[in-house]
Amino acid sequence: HFSTYKTWDMLRFLLARAEFPVNVIHGEEPFA
């Protein structure tokens, strides 16, 4: 388990700007 606490949205923004190929912040495949 790893928590980014409140920095998750900043990481999401930076990874999106870098055109990162995987959504490691929110995941990609919903279930339930």
PDB file of all heavy atoms in Angstrom:
ATOM      1  N   HIS A   1       0.856  -1.180   0.000  1.00  0.00           N
ATOM      2  CA  HIS A   1       0.000   0.000   0.000  1.00  0.00           C
ATOM      3  C   HIS A   1       0.893   1.232   0.000  1.00  0.00           C
ATOM      4  O   HIS A   1       1.872   1.299   0.727  1.00  0.00           O
ATOM      5  CB  HIS A   1      -0.888   0.003   1.255  1.00  0.00           C
ATOM      6  CG  HIS A   1      -1.613   1.292   1.462  1.00  0.00           C
ATOM      7  ND1 HIS A   1      -1.187   2.236   2.370  1.00  0.00           N
ATOM      8  CD2 HIS A   1      -2.705   1.801   0.872  1.00  0.00           C
ATOM      9  CE1 HIS A   1      -2.007   3.274   2.336  1.00  0.00           C
ATOM     10  NE2 HIS A   1      -2.934   3.031   1.431  1.00  0.00           N
ATOM     11  N   PHE A   2       0.547   2.179  -0.840  1.00  0.00           N
ATOM     12  CA  PHE A   2       1.292   3.427  -0.889  1.00  0.00           C
ATOM     13  C   PHE A   2       0.288   4.546  -1.084  1.00  0.00           C
ATOM     14  O   PHE A   2      -0.570   4.481  -1.954  1.00  0.00           O
ATOM     15  CB  PHE A   2       2.297   3.422  -2.045  1.00  0.00           C
ATOM     16  CG  PHE A   2       3.031   4.723  -2.177  1.00  0.00           C
ATOM     17  CD1 PHE A   2       4.066   5.043  -1.315  1.00  0.00           C
ATOM     18  CD2 PHE A   2       2.670   5.642  -3.144  1.00  0.00           C
ATOM     19  CE1 PHE A   2       4.730   6.258  -1.413  1.00  0.00           C
ATOM     20  CE2 PHE A   2       3.330   6.852  -3.248  1.00  0.00           C
ATOM     21  CZ  PHE A   2       4.362   7.147  -2.384  1.00  0.00           C
ATOM     22  N   SER A   3       0.384   5.565  -0.281  1.00  0.00           N
ATOM     23  CA  SER A   3      -0.515   6.700  -0.414  1.00  0.00           C
ATOM     24  C   SER A   3       0.277   7.938  -0.803  1.00  0.00           C
ATOM     25  O   SER A   3       1.341   8.201  -0.255  1.00  0.00           O
ATOM     26  CB  SER A   3      -1.247   6.964   0.910  1.00  0.00           C
ATOM     27  OG  SER A   3      -2.071   8.101   0.754  1.00  0.00           O
ATOM     28  N   THR A   4      -0.258   8.660  -1.741  1.00  0.00           N
ATOM     29  CA  THR A   4       0.350   9.929  -2.133  1.00  0.00           C
ATOM     30  C   THR A   4      -0.269  11.086  -1.362  1.00  0.00           C
ATOM     31  O   THR A   4       0.102  12.228  -1.569  1.00  0.00           O
ATOM     32  CB  THR A   4       0.151  10.178  -3.640  1.00  0.00           C
ATOM     33  OG1 THR A   4      -1.245  10.191  -3.922  1.00  0.00           O
ATOM     34  CG2 THR A   4       0.866   9.136  -4.469  1.00  0.00           C
ATOM     35  N   TYR A   5      -1.231  10.760  -0.502  1.00  0.00           N
ATOM     36  CA  TYR A   5      -1.967  11.768   0.258  1.00  0.00           C
ATOM     37  C   TYR A   5      -2.525  12.809  -0.692  1.00  0.00           C
ATOM     38  O   TYR A   5      -3.188  12.460  -1.652  1.00  0.00           O
ATOM     39  CB  TYR A   5      -1.123  12.348   1.386  1.00  0.00           C
ATOM     40  CG  TYR A   5      -0.733  11.276   2.375  1.00  0.00           C
ATOM     41  CD1 TYR A   5       0.523  10.683   2.311  1.00  0.00           C
ATOM     42  CD2 TYR A   5      -1.638  10.811   3.323  1.00  0.00           C
ATOM     43  CE1 TYR A   5       0.870   9.666   3.192  1.00  0.00           C
ATOM     44  CE2 TYR A   5      -1.293   9.791   4.203  1.00  0.00           C
ATOM     45  CZ  TYR A   5      -0.046   9.229   4.125  1.00  0.00           C
ATOM     46  OH  TYR A   5       0.282   8.215   4.982  1.00  0.00           O
ATOM     47  N   LYS A   6      -2.249  14.063  -0.491  1.00  0.00           N
ATOM     48  CA  LYS A   6      -2.865  15.104  -1.314  1.00  0.00           C
ATOM     49  C   LYS A   6      -2.109  15.410  -2.607  1.00  0.00           C
ATOM     50  O   LYS A   6      -2.535  16.271  -3.375  1.00  0.00           O
ATOM     51  CB  LYS A   6      -3.024  16.378  -0.492  1.00  0.00           C
ATOM     52  CG  LYS A   6      -4.013  16.206   0.641  1.00  0.00           C
ATOM     53  CD  LYS A   6      -4.176  17.474   1.420  1.00  0.00           C
ATOM     54  CE  LYS A   6      -5.179  17.254   2.537  1.00  0.00           C
ATOM     55  NZ  LYS A   6      -5.457  18.475   3.264  1.00  0.00           N
ATOM     56  N   THR A   7      -1.028  14.722  -2.863  1.00  0.00           N
ATOM     57  CA  THR A   7      -0.262  15.015  -4.079  1.00  0.00           C
ATOM     58  C   THR A   7      -0.746  14.223  -5.290  1.00  0.00           C
ATOM     59  O   THR A   7      -0.222  14.397  -6.391  1.00  0.00           O
ATOM     60  CB  THR A   7       1.238  14.730  -3.877  1.00  0.00           C
ATOM     61  OG1 THR A   7       1.412  13.352  -3.570  1.00  0.00           O
ATOM     62  CG2 THR A   7       1.826  15.599  -2.797  1.00  0.00           C
ATOM     63  N   TRP A   8      -1.769  13.367  -5.137  1.00  0.00           N
ATOM     64  CA  TRP A   8      -2.214  12.526  -6.242  1.00  0.00           C
ATOM     65  C   TRP A   8      -2.598  13.350  -7.463  1.00  0.00           C
ATOM     66  O   TRP A   8      -2.260  12.990  -8.585  1.00  0.00           O
ATOM     67  CB  TRP A   8      -3.355  11.601  -5.822  1.00  0.00           C
ATOM     68  CG  TRP A   8      -4.641  12.302  -5.495  1.00  0.00           C
ATOM     69  CD1 TRP A   8      -5.051  12.746  -4.269  1.00  0.00           C
ATOM     70  CD2 TRP A   8      -5.668  12.669  -6.401  1.00  0.00           C
ATOM     71  NE1 TRP A   8      -6.272  13.364  -4.368  1.00  0.00           N
ATOM     72  CE2 TRP A   8      -6.682  13.327  -5.677  1.00  0.00           C
ATOM     73  CE3 TRP A   8      -5.842  12.511  -7.776  1.00  0.00           C
ATOM     74  CZ2 TRP A   8      -7.839  13.827  -6.259  1.00  0.00           C
ATOM     75  CZ3 TRP A   8      -7.009  13.004  -8.358  1.00  0.00           C
ATOM     76  CH2 TRP A   8      -7.981  13.652  -7.594  1.00  0.00           C
ATOM     77  N   ASP A   9      -3.286  14.471  -7.298  1.00  0.00           N
ATOM     78  CA  ASP A   9      -3.727  15.229  -8.464  1.00  0.00           C
ATOM     79  C   ASP A   9      -2.548  15.916  -9.153  1.00  0.00           C
ATOM     80  O   ASP A   9      -2.527  16.033 -10.371  1.00  0.00           O
ATOM     81  CB  ASP A   9      -4.809  16.236  -8.098  1.00  0.00           C
ATOM     82  CG  ASP A   9      -5.538  16.730  -9.334  1.00  0.00           C
ATOM     83  OD1 ASP A   9      -5.876  15.892 -10.199  1.00  0.00           O
ATOM     84  OD2 ASP A   9      -5.756  17.945  -9.451  1.00  0.00           O
ATOM     85  N   MET A  10      -1.564  16.350  -8.381  1.00  0.00           N
ATOM     86  CA  MET A  10      -0.369  16.931  -8.988  1.00  0.00           C
ATOM     87  C   MET A  10       0.375  15.866  -9.802  1.00  0.00           C
ATOM     88  O   MET A  10       0.829  16.127 -10.912  1.00  0.00           O
ATOM     89  CB  MET A  10       0.564  17.512  -7.911  1.00  0.00           C
ATOM     90  CG  MET A  10       1.809  18.136  -8.499  1.00  0.00           C
ATOM     91  SD  MET A  10       2.898  18.951  -7.309  1.00  0.00           S
ATOM     92  CE  MET A  10       2.862  17.915  -5.901  1.00  0.00           C
ATOM     93  N   LEU A  11       0.483  14.661  -9.251  1.00  0.00           N
ATOM     94  CA  LEU A  11       1.128  13.571  -9.981  1.00  0.00           C
ATOM     95  C   LEU A  11       0.341  13.231 -11.252  1.00  0.00           C
ATOM     96  O   LEU A  11       0.926  13.005 -12.313  1.00  0.00           O
ATOM     97  CB  LEU A  11       1.257  12.330  -9.094  1.00  0.00           C
ATOM     98  CG  LEU A  11       2.234  12.456  -7.941  1.00  0.00           C
ATOM     99  CD1 LEU A  11       2.096  11.272  -7.003  1.00  0.00           C
ATOM    100  CD2 LEU A  11       3.650  12.585  -8.448  1.00  0.00           C
ATOM    101  N   ARG A  12      -0.991  13.195 -11.145  1.00  0.00           N
ATOM    102  CA  ARG A  12      -1.826  12.941 -12.322  1.00  0.00           C
ATOM    103  C   ARG A  12      -1.551  13.982 -13.402  1.00  0.00           C
ATOM    104  O   ARG A  12      -1.355  13.656 -14.565  1.00  0.00           O
ATOM    105  CB  ARG A  12      -3.316  12.965 -11.942  1.00  0.00           C
ATOM    106  CG  ARG A  12      -4.243  12.715 -13.142  1.00  0.00           C
ATOM    107  CD  ARG A  12      -5.612  13.357 -12.983  1.00  0.00           C
ATOM    108  NE  ARG A  12      -5.591  14.763 -12.613  1.00  0.00           N
ATOM    109  CZ  ARG A  12      -5.395  15.782 -13.459  1.00  0.00           C
ATOM    110  NH1 ARG A  12      -5.156  15.557 -14.736  1.00  0.00           N
ATOM    111  NH2 ARG A  12      -5.414  17.024 -13.028  1.00  0.00           N
ATOM    112  N   PHE A  13      -1.497  15.256 -13.000  1.00  0.00           N
ATOM    113  CA  PHE A  13      -1.237  16.346 -13.938  1.00  0.00           C
ATOM    114  C   PHE A  13       0.130  16.192 -14.607  1.00  0.00           C
ATOM    115  O   PHE A  13       0.249  16.274 -15.834  1.00  0.00           O
ATOM    116  CB  PHE A  13      -1.312  17.692 -13.203  1.00  0.00           C
ATOM    117  CG  PHE A  13      -0.901  18.861 -14.043  1.00  0.00           C
ATOM    118  CD1 PHE A  13      -1.776  19.408 -14.962  1.00  0.00           C
ATOM    119  CD2 PHE A  13       0.367  19.406 -13.908  1.00  0.00           C
ATOM    120  CE1 PHE A  13      -1.384  20.487 -15.752  1.00  0.00           C
ATOM    121  CE2 PHE A  13       0.757  20.492 -14.688  1.00  0.00           C
ATOM    122  CZ  PHE A  13      -0.114  21.031 -15.609  1.00  0.00           C
ATOM    123  N   LEU A  14       1.160  15.947 -13.820  1.00  0.00           N
ATOM    124  CA  LEU A  14       2.513  15.819 -14.376  1.00  0.00           C
ATOM    125  C   LEU A  14       2.632  14.618 -15.310  1.00  0.00           C
ATOM    126  O   LEU A  14       3.250  14.717 -16.379  1.00  0.00           O
ATOM    127  CB  LEU A  14       3.539  15.711 -13.245  1.00  0.00           C
ATOM    128  CG  LEU A  14       3.723  16.979 -12.410  1.00  0.00           C
ATOM    129  CD1 LEU A  14       4.614  16.690 -11.206  1.00  0.00           C
ATOM    130  CD2 LEU A  14       4.291  18.105 -13.255  1.00  0.00           C
ATOM    131  N   LEU A  15       2.043  13.494 -14.924  1.00  0.00           N
ATOM    132  CA  LEU A  15       2.099  12.313 -15.779  1.00  0.00           C
ATOM    133  C   LEU A  15       1.318  12.532 -17.071  1.00  0.00           C
ATOM    134  O   LEU A  15       1.749  12.083 -18.149  1.00  0.00           O
ATOM    135  CB  LEU A  15       1.598  11.082 -15.029  1.00  0.00           C
ATOM    136  CG  LEU A  15       2.523  10.604 -13.909  1.00  0.00           C
ATOM    137  CD1 LEU A  15       1.838   9.531 -13.063  1.00  0.00           C
ATOM    138  CD2 LEU A  15       3.843  10.097 -14.456  1.00  0.00           C
ATOM    139  N   ALA A  16       0.197  13.229 -16.995  1.00  0.00           N
ATOM    140  CA  ALA A  16      -0.568  13.542 -18.212  1.00  0.00           C
ATOM    141  C   ALA A  16       0.243  14.446 -19.128  1.00  0.00           C
ATOM    142  O   ALA A  16       0.277  14.239 -20.348  1.00  0.00           O
ATOM    143  CB  ALA A  16      -1.901  14.184 -17.850  1.00  0.00           C
ATOM    144  N   ARG A  17       0.915  15.450 -18.561  1.00  0.00           N
ATOM    145  CA  ARG A  17       1.753  16.347 -19.366  1.00  0.00           C
ATOM    146  C   ARG A  17       2.897  15.603 -20.029  1.00  0.00           C
ATOM    147  O   ARG A  17       3.314  15.935 -21.132  1.00  0.00           O
ATOM    148  CB  ARG A  17       2.333  17.468 -18.490  1.00  0.00           C
ATOM    149  CG  ARG A  17       1.356  18.483 -17.988  1.00  0.00           C
ATOM    150  CD  ARG A  17       0.930  19.488 -19.050  1.00  0.00           C
ATOM    151  NE  ARG A  17       2.024  20.226 -19.625  1.00  0.00           N
ATOM    152  CZ  ARG A  17       2.274  21.506 -19.419  1.00  0.00           C
ATOM    153  NH1 ARG A  17       1.497  22.208 -18.637  1.00  0.00           N
ATOM    154  NH2 ARG A  17       3.281  22.089 -20.003  1.00  0.00           N
ATOM    155  N   ALA A  18       3.405  14.575 -19.350  1.00  0.00           N
ATOM    156  CA  ALA A  18       4.494  13.764 -19.902  1.00  0.00           C
ATOM    157  C   ALA A  18       3.966  12.689 -20.851  1.00  0.00           C
ATOM    158  O   ALA A  18       4.747  11.891 -21.370  1.00  0.00           O
ATOM    159  CB  ALA A  18       5.282  13.115 -18.768  1.00  0.00           C
ATOM    160  N   GLU A  19       2.655  12.677 -21.086  1.00  0.00           N
ATOM    161  CA  GLU A  19       1.999  11.673 -21.932  1.00  0.00           C
ATOM    162  C   GLU A  19       2.342  10.256 -21.477  1.00  0.00           C
ATOM    163  O   GLU A  19       2.651   9.375 -22.260  1.00  0.00           O
ATOM    164  CB  GLU A  19       2.344  11.893 -23.404  1.00  0.00           C
ATOM    165  CG  GLU A  19       1.837  13.228 -23.912  1.00  0.00           C
ATOM    166  CD  GLU A  19       2.151  13.491 -25.367  1.00  0.00           C
ATOM    167  OE1 GLU A  19       2.894  12.710 -25.994  1.00  0.00           O
ATOM    168  OE2 GLU A  19       1.655  14.506 -25.877  1.00  0.00           O
ATOM    169  N   PHE A  20       2.273  10.063 -20.164  1.00  0.00           N
ATOM    170  CA  PHE A  20       2.567   8.757 -19.579  1.00  0.00           C
ATOM    171  C   PHE A  20       1.553   7.743 -20.104  1.00  0.00           C
ATOM    172  O   PHE A  20       0.352   8.029 -20.144  1.00  0.00           O
ATOM    173  CB  PHE A  20       2.513   8.842 -18.044  1.00  0.00           C
ATOM    174  CG  PHE A  20       3.216   7.718 -17.368  1.00  0.00           C
ATOM    175  CD1 PHE A  20       4.600   7.681 -17.323  1.00  0.00           C
ATOM    176  CD2 PHE A  20       2.505   6.679 -16.804  1.00  0.00           C
ATOM    177  CE1 PHE A  20       5.265   6.624 -16.718  1.00  0.00           C
ATOM    178  CE2 PHE A  20       3.151   5.624 -16.186  1.00  0.00           C
ATOM    179  CZ  PHE A  20       4.543   5.594 -16.148  1.00  0.00           C
ATOM    180  N   PRO A  21       1.986   6.546 -20.498  1.00  0.00           N
ATOM    181  CA  PRO A  21       1.096   5.603 -21.192  1.00  0.00           C
ATOM    182  C   PRO A  21       0.099   4.842 -20.311  1.00  0.00           C
ATOM    183  O   PRO A  21      -0.783   4.162 -20.843  1.00  0.00           O
ATOM    184  CB  PRO A  21       2.079   4.627 -21.831  1.00  0.00           C
ATOM    185  CG  PRO A  21       3.250   4.620 -20.907  1.00  0.00           C
ATOM    186  CD  PRO A  21       3.357   6.045 -20.422  1.00  0.00           C
ATOM    187  N   VAL A  22       0.212   4.940 -18.992  1.00  0.00           N
ATOM    188  CA  VAL A  22      -0.644   4.172 -18.096  1.00  0.00           C
ATOM    189  C   VAL A  22      -1.206   5.109 -17.032  1.00  0.00           C
ATOM    190  O   VAL A  22      -0.472   5.925 -16.482  1.00  0.00           O
ATOM    191  CB  VAL A  22       0.148   3.026 -17.415  1.00  0.00           C
ATOM    192  CG1 VAL A  22      -0.736   2.231 -16.473  1.00  0.00           C
ATOM    193  CG2 VAL A  22       0.785   2.121 -18.456  1.00  0.00           C
ATOM    194  N   ASN A  23      -2.478   4.956 -16.729  1.00  0.00           N
ATOM    195  CA  ASN A  23      -3.082   5.783 -15.689  1.00  0.00           C
ATOM    196  C   ASN A  23      -2.819   5.135 -14.330  1.00  0.00           C
ATOM    197  O   ASN A  23      -3.659   4.424 -13.788  1.00  0.00           O
ATOM    198  CB  ASN A  23      -4.581   5.960 -15.927  1.00  0.00           C
ATOM    199  CG  ASN A  23      -5.199   6.952 -14.975  1.00  0.00           C
ATOM    200  OD1 ASN A  23      -4.623   7.316 -13.947  1.00  0.00           O
ATOM    201  ND2 ASN A  23      -6.392   7.400 -15.302  1.00  0.00           N
ATOM    202  N   VAL A  24      -1.645   5.395 -13.778  1.00  0.00           N
ATOM    203  CA  VAL A  24      -1.272   4.801 -12.493  1.00  0.00           C
ATOM    204  C   VAL A  24      -1.938   5.507 -11.316  1.00  0.00           C
ATOM    205  O   VAL A  24      -1.938   4.981 -10.213  1.00  0.00           O
ATOM    206  CB  VAL A  24       0.274   4.773 -12.290  1.00  0.00           C
ATOM    207  CG1 VAL A  24       0.940   3.882 -13.323  1.00  0.00           C
ATOM    208  CG2 VAL A  24       0.858   6.168 -12.333  1.00  0.00           C
ATOM    209  N   ILE A  25      -2.506   6.653 -11.535  1.00  0.00           N
ATOM    210  CA  ILE A  25      -3.171   7.387 -10.457  1.00  0.00           C
ATOM    211  C   ILE A  25      -4.583   6.860 -10.224  1.00  0.00           C
ATOM    212  O   ILE A  25      -4.961   6.546  -9.102  1.00  0.00           O
ATOM    213  CB  ILE A  25      -3.209   8.901 -10.746  1.00  0.00           C
ATOM    214  CG1 ILE A  25      -1.794   9.453 -10.945  1.00  0.00           C
ATOM    215  CG2 ILE A  25      -3.949   9.651  -9.637  1.00  0.00           C
ATOM    216  CD1 ILE A  25      -0.861   9.280  -9.762  1.00  0.00           C
ATOM    217  N   HIS A  26      -5.368   6.753 -11.266  1.00  0.00           N
ATOM    218  CA  HIS A  26      -6.754   6.340 -11.115  1.00  0.00           C
ATOM    219  C   HIS A  26      -7.016   4.891 -11.525  1.00  0.00           C
ATOM    220  O   HIS A  26      -8.107   4.387 -11.305  1.00  0.00           O
ATOM    221  CB  HIS A  26      -7.677   7.248 -11.932  1.00  0.00           C
ATOM    222  CG  HIS A  26      -7.707   8.642 -11.421  1.00  0.00           C
ATOM    223  ND1 HIS A  26      -7.196   9.701 -12.116  1.00  0.00           N
ATOM    224  CD2 HIS A  26      -8.176   9.145 -10.264  1.00  0.00           C
ATOM    225  CE1 HIS A  26      -7.353  10.805 -11.420  1.00  0.00           C
ATOM    226  NE2 HIS A  26      -7.942  10.501 -10.286  1.00  0.00           N
ATOM    227  N   GLY A  27      -6.050   4.223 -12.126  1.00  0.00           N
ATOM    228  CA  GLY A  27      -6.299   2.888 -12.646  1.00  0.00           C
ATOM    229  C   GLY A  27      -6.991   2.983 -13.989  1.00  0.00           C
ATOM    230  O   GLY A  27      -7.299   4.066 -14.473  1.00  0.00           O
ATOM    231  N   GLU A  28      -7.222   1.834 -14.605  1.00  0.00           N
ATOM    232  CA  GLU A  28      -7.769   1.864 -15.957  1.00  0.00           C
ATOM    233  C   GLU A  28      -8.989   0.969 -16.168  1.00  0.00           C
ATOM    234  O   GLU A  28      -9.755   1.201 -17.089  1.00  0.00           O
ATOM    235  CB  GLU A  28      -6.690   1.445 -16.963  1.00  0.00           C
ATOM    236  CG  GLU A  28      -5.526   2.394 -16.995  1.00  0.00           C
ATOM    237  CD  GLU A  28      -4.451   1.992 -17.976  1.00  0.00           C
ATOM    238  OE1 GLU A  28      -4.366   0.821 -18.370  1.00  0.00           O
ATOM    239  OE2 GLU A  28      -3.658   2.883 -18.338  1.00  0.00           O
ATOM    240  N   GLU A  29      -9.146  -0.045 -15.347  1.00  0.00           N
ATOM    241  CA  GLU A  29     -10.228  -1.001 -15.595  1.00  0.00           C
ATOM    242  C   GLU A  29     -11.171  -1.067 -14.397  1.00  0.00           C
ATOM    243  O   GLU A  29     -10.855  -1.676 -13.383  1.00  0.00           O
ATOM    244  CB  GLU A  29      -9.628  -2.383 -15.861  1.00  0.00           C
ATOM    245  CG  GLU A  29     -10.639  -3.408 -16.270  1.00  0.00           C
ATOM    246  CD  GLU A  29      -9.987  -4.724 -16.618  1.00  0.00           C
ATOM    247  OE1 GLU A  29      -8.917  -4.745 -17.245  1.00  0.00           O
ATOM    248  OE2 GLU A  29     -10.574  -5.758 -16.239  1.00  0.00           O
ATOM    249  N   PRO A  30     -12.343  -0.423 -14.515  1.00  0.00           N
ATOM    250  CA  PRO A  30     -13.278  -0.473 -13.393  1.00  0.00           C
ATOM    251  C   PRO A  30     -13.866  -1.877 -13.221  1.00  0.00           C
ATOM    252  O   PRO A  30     -14.009  -2.617 -14.186  1.00  0.00           O
ATOM    253  CB  PRO A  30     -14.367   0.518 -13.767  1.00  0.00           C
ATOM    254  CG  PRO A  30     -14.124   0.932 -15.158  1.00  0.00           C
ATOM    255  CD  PRO A  30     -12.823   0.386 -15.609  1.00  0.00           C
ATOM    256  N   PHE A  31     -14.143  -2.217 -11.987  1.00  0.00           N
ATOM    257  CA  PHE A  31     -14.882  -3.439 -11.697  1.00  0.00           C
ATOM    258  C   PHE A  31     -15.846  -3.112 -10.566  1.00  0.00           C
ATOM    259  O   PHE A  31     -15.695  -2.097  -9.906  1.00  0.00           O
ATOM    260  CB  PHE A  31     -13.946  -4.611 -11.358  1.00  0.00           C
ATOM    261  CG  PHE A  31     -13.114  -4.418 -10.120  1.00  0.00           C
ATOM    262  CD1 PHE A  31     -13.494  -4.997  -8.919  1.00  0.00           C
ATOM    263  CD2 PHE A  31     -11.943  -3.677 -10.152  1.00  0.00           C
ATOM    264  CE1 PHE A  31     -12.727  -4.835  -7.780  1.00  0.00           C
ATOM    265  CE2 PHE A  31     -11.170  -3.513  -9.016  1.00  0.00           C
ATOM    266  CZ  PHE A  31     -11.567  -4.087  -7.820  1.00  0.00           C
ATOM    267  N   ALA A  32     -16.847  -3.933 -10.383  1.00  0.00           N
ATOM    268  CA  ALA A  32     -17.890  -3.663  -9.385  1.00  0.00           C
ATOM    269  C   ALA A  32     -18.432  -2.251  -9.587  1.00  0.00           C
ATOM    270  O   ALA A  32     -18.479  -1.443  -8.670  1.00  0.00           O
ATOM    271  CB  ALA A  32     -17.353  -3.853  -7.977  1.00  0.00           C
TER     272      ALA A  32
END
